[in-house]
Amino acid sequence: MNEQEEKKYTLKELKEKLTEKERLFCHQYIINWNGARSAREAGYSEDSAKEIAHATLTKVHIQQYIDFIKNDFEKEAGITKLSQLNELKKIAYSSIAHIHNTWIELNEFEALTDEQKECIESIDTKIEIIHKYDQDSDSKKPVEIKYIKIKLYSKIQAIDQINKMMGYNAPYKLDHSSSDGTMSPPLTPESAKAIDDKIKDSI
């Protein structure tokens, strides 16, 4: 084994050593594990993709870079805690709750922003024919109106998910000794022992 094969590169060294096509090849390869397809996706020649893939995968720095990135799925997908919170925030604080499960005209729907549309879980459509007065013909003419009804993702569930991610939900337990079934914080070991002693004294 020669010195080149024995060398262990740092991630920084690997990034500096990789060509742009090699980098693209590696990131494609951990998605589909198909060398020839990854080579084509990286921009290598269609005719020689298989041979290039084989040669690329034998390179030590390529193998090491693949080992570095193959388990970092969150980074590869661009998923972070912040990105997840931002998606939930769109739903939790949506400004279009007033049109939830309400029929609106198509032009109103098209006026929604992309961010608002991302809060929509499902869509129903319908077409109605109404008769409108036409000044040119001095008569009423049938006009086709397209309507949209949207169902939004649950704001309550989105807020609950945010609370869980941020640790806002303190642990509570149901206090069965209370006549109104109110919620109380969990008992500490000291307070639990005190209650237990009190019960024993009353027997």
C-alpha atoms as a PDB file:
ATOM      1  CA  MET A   1       0.000   0.000   0.000  1.00  0.00           C
ATOM      2  CA  ASN A   2       1.558   3.291  -1.046  1.00  0.00           C
ATOM      3  CA  GLU A   3       1.624   6.553   0.892  1.00  0.00           C
ATOM      4  CA  GLN A   4      -1.200   8.033  -1.240  1.00  0.00           C
ATOM      5  CA  GLU A   5      -3.546   5.197  -0.288  1.00  0.00           C
ATOM      6  CA  GLU A   6      -2.624   5.392   3.406  1.00  0.00           C
ATOM      7  CA  LYS A   7      -3.235   9.118   3.736  1.00  0.00           C
ATOM      8  CA  LYS A   8      -6.299  10.117   5.728  1.00  0.00           C
ATOM      9  CA  TYR A   9      -7.663  13.451   4.577  1.00  0.00           C
ATOM     10  CA  THR A  10      -9.595  15.874   6.701  1.00  0.00           C
ATOM     11  CA  LEU A  11     -12.950  17.033   5.381  1.00  0.00           C
ATOM     12  CA  LYS A  12     -11.436  20.436   4.638  1.00  0.00           C
ATOM     13  CA  GLU A  13      -8.613  18.827   2.647  1.00  0.00           C
ATOM     14  CA  LEU A  14     -11.078  16.673   0.721  1.00  0.00           C
ATOM     15  CA  LYS A  15     -13.228  19.658  -0.232  1.00  0.00           C
ATOM     16  CA  GLU A  16     -10.125  21.451  -1.513  1.00  0.00           C
ATOM     17  CA  LYS A  17      -8.948  18.383  -3.428  1.00  0.00           C
ATOM     18  CA  LEU A  18     -12.270  17.556  -5.129  1.00  0.00           C
ATOM     19  CA  THR A  19     -13.097  18.949  -8.534  1.00  0.00           C
ATOM     20  CA  GLU A  20     -16.621  20.327  -8.952  1.00  0.00           C
ATOM     21  CA  LYS A  21     -17.663  17.294 -11.008  1.00  0.00           C
ATOM     22  CA  GLU A  22     -16.229  14.912  -8.428  1.00  0.00           C
ATOM     23  CA  ARG A  23     -18.123  16.708  -5.653  1.00  0.00           C
ATOM     24  CA  LEU A  24     -21.378  16.489  -7.612  1.00  0.00           C
ATOM     25  CA  PHE A  25     -20.696  12.825  -8.373  1.00  0.00           C
ATOM     26  CA  CYS A  26     -20.269  12.002  -4.668  1.00  0.00           C
ATOM     27  CA  HIS A  27     -23.455  13.774  -3.619  1.00  0.00           C
ATOM     28  CA  GLN A  28     -25.421  12.039  -6.358  1.00  0.00           C
ATOM     29  CA  TYR A  29     -23.868   8.691  -5.522  1.00  0.00           C
ATOM     30  CA  ILE A  30     -25.092   8.647  -1.896  1.00  0.00           C
ATOM     31  CA  ILE A  31     -28.627   9.267  -3.201  1.00  0.00           C
ATOM     32  CA  ASN A  32     -28.866   6.472  -5.766  1.00  0.00           C
ATOM     33  CA  TRP A  33     -25.680   4.376  -5.274  1.00  0.00           C
ATOM     34  CA  ASN A  34     -25.502   4.031  -9.041  1.00  0.00           C
ATOM     35  CA  GLY A  35     -22.094   5.009 -10.383  1.00  0.00           C
ATOM     36  CA  ALA A  36     -22.983   5.506 -14.035  1.00  0.00           C
ATOM     37  CA  ARG A  37     -26.130   7.498 -13.257  1.00  0.00           C
ATOM     38  CA  SER A  38     -24.209   9.645 -10.761  1.00  0.00           C
ATOM     39  CA  ALA A  39     -21.550  10.340 -13.371  1.00  0.00           C
ATOM     40  CA  ARG A  40     -24.183  11.466 -15.872  1.00  0.00           C
ATOM     41  CA  GLU A  41     -25.873  13.663 -13.253  1.00  0.00           C
ATOM     42  CA  ALA A  42     -22.491  15.213 -12.436  1.00  0.00           C
ATOM     43  CA  GLY A  43     -21.994  16.210 -16.069  1.00  0.00           C
ATOM     44  CA  TYR A  44     -19.626  13.537 -17.300  1.00  0.00           C
ATOM     45  CA  SER A  45     -19.947  12.133 -20.811  1.00  0.00           C
ATOM     46  CA  GLU A  46     -22.976   9.910 -21.393  1.00  0.00           C
ATOM     47  CA  ASP A  47     -20.914   7.495 -23.498  1.00  0.00           C
ATOM     48  CA  SER A  48     -18.189   6.955 -20.902  1.00  0.00           C
ATOM     49  CA  ALA A  49     -20.237   7.383 -17.690  1.00  0.00           C
ATOM     50  CA  LYS A  50     -19.752   3.764 -16.587  1.00  0.00           C
ATOM     51  CA  GLU A  51     -15.965   3.822 -17.049  1.00  0.00           C
ATOM     52  CA  ILE A  52     -15.650   7.246 -15.399  1.00  0.00           C
ATOM     53  CA  ALA A  53     -17.737   6.103 -12.438  1.00  0.00           C
ATOM     54  CA  HIS A  54     -15.530   3.043 -11.939  1.00  0.00           C
ATOM     55  CA  ALA A  55     -12.340   5.115 -12.122  1.00  0.00           C
ATOM     56  CA  THR A  56     -13.767   7.809  -9.829  1.00  0.00           C
ATOM     57  CA  LEU A  57     -14.843   5.342  -7.157  1.00  0.00           C
ATOM     58  CA  THR A  58     -11.333   3.848  -6.958  1.00  0.00           C
ATOM     59  CA  LYS A  59      -9.819   7.185  -5.944  1.00  0.00           C
ATOM     60  CA  VAL A  60      -8.947   7.322  -2.244  1.00  0.00           C
ATOM     61  CA  HIS A  61     -10.087  10.906  -1.722  1.00  0.00           C
ATOM     62  CA  ILE A  62     -13.441  10.100  -3.387  1.00  0.00           C
ATOM     63  CA  GLN A  63     -13.982   7.077  -1.133  1.00  0.00           C
ATOM     64  CA  GLN A  64     -13.130   9.095   1.967  1.00  0.00           C
ATOM     65  CA  TYR A  65     -15.390  11.988   0.992  1.00  0.00           C
ATOM     66  CA  ILE A  66     -18.303   9.595   0.403  1.00  0.00           C
ATOM     67  CA  ASP A  67     -17.676   8.123   3.861  1.00  0.00           C
ATOM     68  CA  PHE A  68     -17.847  11.615   5.357  1.00  0.00           C
ATOM     69  CA  ILE A  69     -21.154  12.589   3.755  1.00  0.00           C
ATOM     70  CA  LYS A  70     -23.081   9.334   3.354  1.00  0.00           C
ATOM     71  CA  ASN A  71     -24.721   9.462   6.797  1.00  0.00           C
ATOM     72  CA  ASP A  72     -25.303  13.195   6.936  1.00  0.00           C
ATOM     73  CA  PHE A  73     -28.802  12.977   5.478  1.00  0.00           C
ATOM     74  CA  GLU A  74     -30.081  16.094   7.229  1.00  0.00           C
ATOM     75  CA  LYS A  75     -27.397  18.228   5.635  1.00  0.00           C
ATOM     76  CA  GLU A  76     -27.840  16.605   2.233  1.00  0.00           C
ATOM     77  CA  ALA A  77     -31.571  17.310   2.333  1.00  0.00           C
ATOM     78  CA  GLY A  78     -31.051  20.811   3.690  1.00  0.00           C
ATOM     79  CA  ILE A  79     -33.051  20.000   6.824  1.00  0.00           C
ATOM     80  CA  THR A  80     -32.317  21.851  10.046  1.00  0.00           C
ATOM     81  CA  LYS A  81     -34.288  22.510  13.215  1.00  0.00           C
ATOM     82  CA  LEU A  82     -34.707  26.101  12.033  1.00  0.00           C
ATOM     83  CA  SER A  83     -36.045  25.064   8.622  1.00  0.00           C
ATOM     84  CA  GLN A  84     -38.546  22.743  10.308  1.00  0.00           C
ATOM     85  CA  LEU A  85     -39.662  25.516  12.645  1.00  0.00           C
ATOM     86  CA  ASN A  86     -40.059  27.926   9.737  1.00  0.00           C
ATOM     87  CA  GLU A  87     -42.333  25.476   7.921  1.00  0.00           C
ATOM     88  CA  LEU A  88     -44.450  24.974  11.030  1.00  0.00           C
ATOM     89  CA  LYS A  89     -44.516  28.726  11.606  1.00  0.00           C
ATOM     90  CA  LYS A  90     -46.178  29.257   8.212  1.00  0.00           C
ATOM     91  CA  ILE A  91     -49.042  27.024   9.305  1.00  0.00           C
ATOM     92  CA  ALA A  92     -49.261  28.154  12.917  1.00  0.00           C
ATOM     93  CA  TYR A  93     -49.415  31.856  12.067  1.00  0.00           C
ATOM     94  CA  SER A  94     -51.123  31.729   8.703  1.00  0.00           C
ATOM     95  CA  SER A  95     -53.001  34.905   7.808  1.00  0.00           C
ATOM     96  CA  ILE A  96     -55.563  33.134   5.615  1.00  0.00           C
ATOM     97  CA  ALA A  97     -57.550  31.328   8.289  1.00  0.00           C
ATOM     98  CA  HIS A  98     -60.611  33.367   7.266  1.00  0.00           C
ATOM     99  CA  ILE A  99     -60.901  31.418   4.009  1.00  0.00           C
ATOM    100  CA  HIS A 100     -60.517  27.962   5.564  1.00  0.00           C
ATOM    101  CA  ASN A 101     -63.250  25.673   4.152  1.00  0.00           C
ATOM    102  CA  THR A 102     -64.859  28.634   2.390  1.00  0.00           C
ATOM    103  CA  TRP A 103     -65.597  28.849  -1.325  1.00  0.00           C
ATOM    104  CA  ILE A 104     -63.606  31.627  -2.965  1.00  0.00           C
ATOM    105  CA  GLU A 105     -63.240  32.626  -6.592  1.00  0.00           C
ATOM    106  CA  LEU A 106     -60.230  31.406  -8.546  1.00  0.00           C
ATOM    107  CA  ASN A 107     -58.734  34.897  -8.804  1.00  0.00           C
ATOM    108  CA  GLU A 108     -58.730  35.180  -4.990  1.00  0.00           C
ATOM    109  CA  PHE A 109     -56.873  31.888  -4.752  1.00  0.00           C
ATOM    110  CA  GLU A 110     -54.331  32.954  -7.370  1.00  0.00           C
ATOM    111  CA  ALA A 111     -53.679  36.132  -5.371  1.00  0.00           C
ATOM    112  CA  LEU A 112     -52.362  34.093  -2.432  1.00  0.00           C
ATOM    113  CA  THR A 113     -48.605  34.112  -1.918  1.00  0.00           C
ATOM    114  CA  ASP A 114     -46.527  30.949  -2.287  1.00  0.00           C
ATOM    115  CA  GLU A 115     -46.010  30.924   1.486  1.00  0.00           C
ATOM    116  CA  GLN A 116     -49.758  31.073   2.075  1.00  0.00           C
ATOM    117  CA  LYS A 117     -50.359  28.255  -0.404  1.00  0.00           C
ATOM    118  CA  GLU A 118     -47.893  26.073   1.509  1.00  0.00           C
ATOM    119  CA  CYS A 119     -50.351  26.112   4.439  1.00  0.00           C
ATOM    120  CA  ILE A 120     -52.998  24.360   2.331  1.00  0.00           C
ATOM    121  CA  GLU A 121     -53.626  20.678   2.998  1.00  0.00           C
ATOM    122  CA  SER A 122     -56.191  20.041   0.260  1.00  0.00           C
ATOM    123  CA  ILE A 123     -58.225  21.829  -2.404  1.00  0.00           C
ATOM    124  CA  ASP A 124     -61.726  21.339  -3.807  1.00  0.00           C
ATOM    125  CA  THR A 125     -62.979  23.007  -6.977  1.00  0.00           C
ATOM    126  CA  LYS A 126     -66.321  23.683  -8.560  1.00  0.00           C
ATOM    127  CA  ILE A 127     -67.719  25.624 -11.500  1.00  0.00           C
ATOM    128  CA  GLU A 128     -70.946  27.597 -11.437  1.00  0.00           C
ATOM    129  CA  ILE A 129     -72.765  29.256 -14.290  1.00  0.00           C
ATOM    130  CA  ILE A 130     -74.270  32.637 -13.495  1.00  0.00           C
ATOM    131  CA  HIS A 131     -76.007  35.101 -15.780  1.00  0.00           C
ATOM    132  CA  LYS A 132     -74.520  38.560 -15.968  1.00  0.00           C
ATOM    133  CA  TYR A 133     -75.799  41.571 -17.800  1.00  0.00           C
ATOM    134  CA  ASP A 134     -73.883  42.308 -20.976  1.00  0.00           C
ATOM    135  CA  GLN A 135     -74.052  45.964 -21.966  1.00  0.00           C
ATOM    136  CA  ASP A 136     -73.177  45.357 -25.611  1.00  0.00           C
ATOM    137  CA  SER A 137     -76.030  42.949 -26.213  1.00  0.00           C
ATOM    138  CA  ASP A 138     -78.307  44.519 -23.612  1.00  0.00           C
ATOM    139  CA  SER A 139     -79.077  41.094 -22.230  1.00  0.00           C
ATOM    140  CA  LYS A 140     -77.870  38.600 -19.655  1.00  0.00           C
ATOM    141  CA  LYS A 141     -75.293  36.062 -20.748  1.00  0.00           C
ATOM    142  CA  PRO A 142     -74.079  32.898 -18.981  1.00  0.00           C
ATOM    143  CA  VAL A 143     -70.668  33.294 -17.369  1.00  0.00           C
ATOM    144  CA  GLU A 144     -68.583  30.451 -16.003  1.00  0.00           C
ATOM    145  CA  ILE A 145     -67.176  31.137 -12.522  1.00  0.00           C
ATOM    146  CA  LYS A 146     -64.522  28.875 -11.031  1.00  0.00           C
ATOM    147  CA  TYR A 147     -64.494  28.457  -7.258  1.00  0.00           C
ATOM    148  CA  ILE A 148     -61.867  27.046  -4.928  1.00  0.00           C
ATOM    149  CA  LYS A 149     -62.315  25.742  -1.390  1.00  0.00           C
ATOM    150  CA  ILE A 150     -59.176  25.172   0.627  1.00  0.00           C
ATOM    151  CA  LYS A 151     -58.545  23.173   3.761  1.00  0.00           C
ATOM    152  CA  LEU A 152     -55.619  24.375   5.842  1.00  0.00           C
ATOM    153  CA  TYR A 153     -53.273  22.284   7.919  1.00  0.00           C
ATOM    154  CA  SER A 154     -54.193  22.393  11.600  1.00  0.00           C
ATOM    155  CA  LYS A 155     -52.858  25.520  13.328  1.00  0.00           C
ATOM    156  CA  ILE A 156     -53.288  23.841  16.718  1.00  0.00           C
ATOM    157  CA  GLN A 157     -51.165  20.853  15.700  1.00  0.00           C
ATOM    158  CA  ALA A 158     -48.491  23.121  14.218  1.00  0.00           C
ATOM    159  CA  ILE A 159     -48.324  25.209  17.394  1.00  0.00           C
ATOM    160  CA  ASP A 160     -48.161  22.018  19.476  1.00  0.00           C
ATOM    161  CA  GLN A 161     -45.252  20.757  17.363  1.00  0.00           C
ATOM    162  CA  ILE A 162     -43.431  24.069  17.795  1.00  0.00           C
ATOM    163  CA  ASN A 163     -43.978  23.918  21.554  1.00  0.00           C
ATOM    164  CA  LYS A 164     -42.559  20.398  21.674  1.00  0.00           C
ATOM    165  CA  MET A 165     -39.520  21.292  19.547  1.00  0.00           C
ATOM    166  CA  MET A 166     -38.776  24.344  21.684  1.00  0.00           C
ATOM    167  CA  GLY A 167     -39.434  22.556  24.966  1.00  0.00           C
ATOM    168  CA  TYR A 168     -42.281  24.883  25.904  1.00  0.00           C
ATOM    169  CA  ASN A 169     -44.526  22.060  27.104  1.00  0.00           C
ATOM    170  CA  ALA A 170     -43.636  21.504  30.762  1.00  0.00           C
ATOM    171  CA  PRO A 171     -44.565  18.029  32.045  1.00  0.00           C
ATOM    172  CA  TYR A 172     -47.924  18.040  33.781  1.00  0.00           C
ATOM    173  CA  LYS A 173     -49.998  15.272  35.301  1.00  0.00           C
ATOM    174  CA  LEU A 174     -53.660  15.016  36.195  1.00  0.00           C
ATOM    175  CA  ASP A 175     -54.268  15.560  39.892  1.00  0.00           C
ATOM    176  CA  HIS A 176     -56.906  12.938  40.635  1.00  0.00           C
ATOM    177  CA  SER A 177     -57.201  14.096  44.252  1.00  0.00           C
ATOM    178  CA  SER A 178     -58.625  17.411  43.030  1.00  0.00           C
ATOM    179  CA  SER A 179     -62.385  17.704  42.836  1.00  0.00           C
ATOM    180  CA  ASP A 180     -62.251  19.644  39.585  1.00  0.00           C
ATOM    181  CA  GLY A 181     -59.587  17.525  37.925  1.00  0.00           C
ATOM    182  CA  THR A 182     -57.201  20.465  37.490  1.00  0.00           C
ATOM    183  CA  MET A 183     -53.698  19.988  36.126  1.00  0.00           C
ATOM    184  CA  SER A 184     -50.789  20.082  38.569  1.00  0.00           C
ATOM    185  CA  PRO A 185     -47.021  19.896  38.137  1.00  0.00           C
ATOM    186  CA  PRO A 186     -45.491  16.470  38.848  1.00  0.00           C
ATOM    187  CA  LEU A 187     -44.758  15.798  42.531  1.00  0.00           C
ATOM    188  CA  THR A 188     -41.195  16.005  43.735  1.00  0.00           C
ATOM    189  CA  PRO A 189     -39.879  13.060  45.785  1.00  0.00           C
ATOM    190  CA  GLU A 190     -40.039  15.230  48.934  1.00  0.00           C
ATOM    191  CA  SER A 191     -43.656  16.327  48.409  1.00  0.00           C
ATOM    192  CA  ALA A 192     -44.705  12.778  47.490  1.00  0.00           C
ATOM    193  CA  LYS A 193     -43.193  11.469  50.758  1.00  0.00           C
ATOM    194  CA  ALA A 194     -44.949  14.193  52.738  1.00  0.00           C
ATOM    195  CA  ILE A 195     -48.321  13.244  51.242  1.00  0.00           C
ATOM    196  CA  ASP A 196     -47.644   9.570  51.854  1.00  0.00           C
ATOM    197  CA  ASP A 197     -46.773  10.268  55.505  1.00  0.00           C
ATOM    198  CA  LYS A 198     -49.920  12.330  55.903  1.00  0.00           C
ATOM    199  CA  ILE A 199     -52.058   9.497  54.532  1.00  0.00           C
ATOM    200  CA  LYS A 200     -50.411   7.001  56.889  1.00  0.00           C
ATOM    201  CA  ASP A 201     -51.039   9.278  59.878  1.00  0.00           C
ATOM    202  CA  SER A 202     -54.724   9.578  59.009  1.00  0.00           C
ATOM    203  CA  ILE A 203     -55.267   5.781  58.934  1.00  0.00           C
END
